[in-house]
């Protein structure tokens, strides 16, 4: 878990080898440096990031 502008966000693993679901991050708005770093790390580690809505 991490904070995005005071809101709790999470990265949840979907499959053993590939893909995570990102919750609580609105990618239509600017994100802070901490969130960007977490998303970058998740992308490098899991190759696929899934955002809903």
C-alpha atoms as a PDB file:
ATOM      1  CA  UNK A   1       0.000   0.000   0.000  1.00  0.00           C
ATOM      2  CA  UNK A   2       1.025   3.568  -0.599  1.00  0.00           C
ATOM      3  CA  UNK A   3      -0.569   7.007  -0.540  1.00  0.00           C
ATOM      4  CA  UNK A   4      -1.692   8.967  -3.586  1.00  0.00           C
ATOM      5  CA  UNK A   5      -2.744  12.458  -2.482  1.00  0.00           C
ATOM      6  CA  UNK A   6      -3.981  11.191   0.887  1.00  0.00           C
ATOM      7  CA  UNK A   7      -5.821   8.217  -0.620  1.00  0.00           C
ATOM      8  CA  UNK A   8      -4.765   4.627   0.045  1.00  0.00           C
ATOM      9  CA  UNK A   9      -3.598   2.822  -3.048  1.00  0.00           C
ATOM     10  CA  UNK A  10      -2.594  -0.797  -3.560  1.00  0.00           C
ATOM     11  CA  UNK A  11      -0.969  -3.119  -6.045  1.00  0.00           C
ATOM     12  CA  UNK A  12      -2.469  -6.619  -6.054  1.00  0.00           C
ATOM     13  CA  UNK A  13      -0.823  -9.537  -7.831  1.00  0.00           C
ATOM     14  CA  UNK A  14      -3.130 -11.261 -10.328  1.00  0.00           C
ATOM     15  CA  UNK A  15      -1.143 -14.231 -11.547  1.00  0.00           C
ATOM     16  CA  UNK A  16       2.004 -15.940 -10.349  1.00  0.00           C
ATOM     17  CA  UNK A  17       4.204 -14.790 -13.234  1.00  0.00           C
ATOM     18  CA  UNK A  18       2.666 -11.698 -14.813  1.00  0.00           C
ATOM     19  CA  UNK A  19       0.301  -8.838 -14.077  1.00  0.00           C
ATOM     20  CA  UNK A  20      -0.899  -6.723 -11.170  1.00  0.00           C
ATOM     21  CA  UNK A  21      -4.052  -4.733 -10.527  1.00  0.00           C
ATOM     22  CA  UNK A  22      -3.516  -1.153  -9.377  1.00  0.00           C
ATOM     23  CA  UNK A  23      -6.231   0.166  -7.056  1.00  0.00           C
ATOM     24  CA  UNK A  24      -6.812   3.708  -5.850  1.00  0.00           C
ATOM     25  CA  UNK A  25      -4.731   5.540  -8.464  1.00  0.00           C
ATOM     26  CA  UNK A  26      -6.414   7.945 -10.880  1.00  0.00           C
ATOM     27  CA  UNK A  27      -4.119   7.955 -13.922  1.00  0.00           C
ATOM     28  CA  UNK A  28      -6.157  10.714 -15.567  1.00  0.00           C
ATOM     29  CA  UNK A  29      -4.597  13.146 -13.068  1.00  0.00           C
ATOM     30  CA  UNK A  30      -1.003  13.909 -12.175  1.00  0.00           C
ATOM     31  CA  UNK A  31       0.628  11.531  -9.704  1.00  0.00           C
ATOM     32  CA  UNK A  32       3.284  12.209  -7.104  1.00  0.00           C
ATOM     33  CA  UNK A  33       6.862  10.948  -7.278  1.00  0.00           C
ATOM     34  CA  UNK A  34       6.278   8.157  -4.746  1.00  0.00           C
ATOM     35  CA  UNK A  35       3.340   6.777  -6.734  1.00  0.00           C
ATOM     36  CA  UNK A  36       5.259   7.027 -10.003  1.00  0.00           C
ATOM     37  CA  UNK A  37       8.169   5.083  -8.490  1.00  0.00           C
ATOM     38  CA  UNK A  38       5.850   2.371  -7.125  1.00  0.00           C
ATOM     39  CA  UNK A  39       4.156   2.005 -10.514  1.00  0.00           C
ATOM     40  CA  UNK A  40       7.512   1.886 -12.306  1.00  0.00           C
ATOM     41  CA  UNK A  41       8.785  -0.827  -9.959  1.00  0.00           C
ATOM     42  CA  UNK A  42       5.567  -2.813 -10.421  1.00  0.00           C
ATOM     43  CA  UNK A  43       5.832  -2.527 -14.211  1.00  0.00           C
ATOM     44  CA  UNK A  44       9.446  -3.721 -14.240  1.00  0.00           C
ATOM     45  CA  UNK A  45       8.635  -6.596 -11.887  1.00  0.00           C
ATOM     46  CA  UNK A  46       5.269  -7.757 -13.282  1.00  0.00           C
ATOM     47  CA  UNK A  47       5.294  -6.487 -16.916  1.00  0.00           C
ATOM     48  CA  UNK A  48       1.533  -5.678 -16.924  1.00  0.00           C
ATOM     49  CA  UNK A  49      -0.357  -3.086 -14.881  1.00  0.00           C
ATOM     50  CA  UNK A  50      -4.171  -3.123 -14.917  1.00  0.00           C
ATOM     51  CA  UNK A  51      -6.109   0.019 -13.980  1.00  0.00           C
ATOM     52  CA  UNK A  52      -9.899  -0.054 -13.657  1.00  0.00           C
ATOM     53  CA  UNK A  53     -12.135   2.888 -14.560  1.00  0.00           C
END
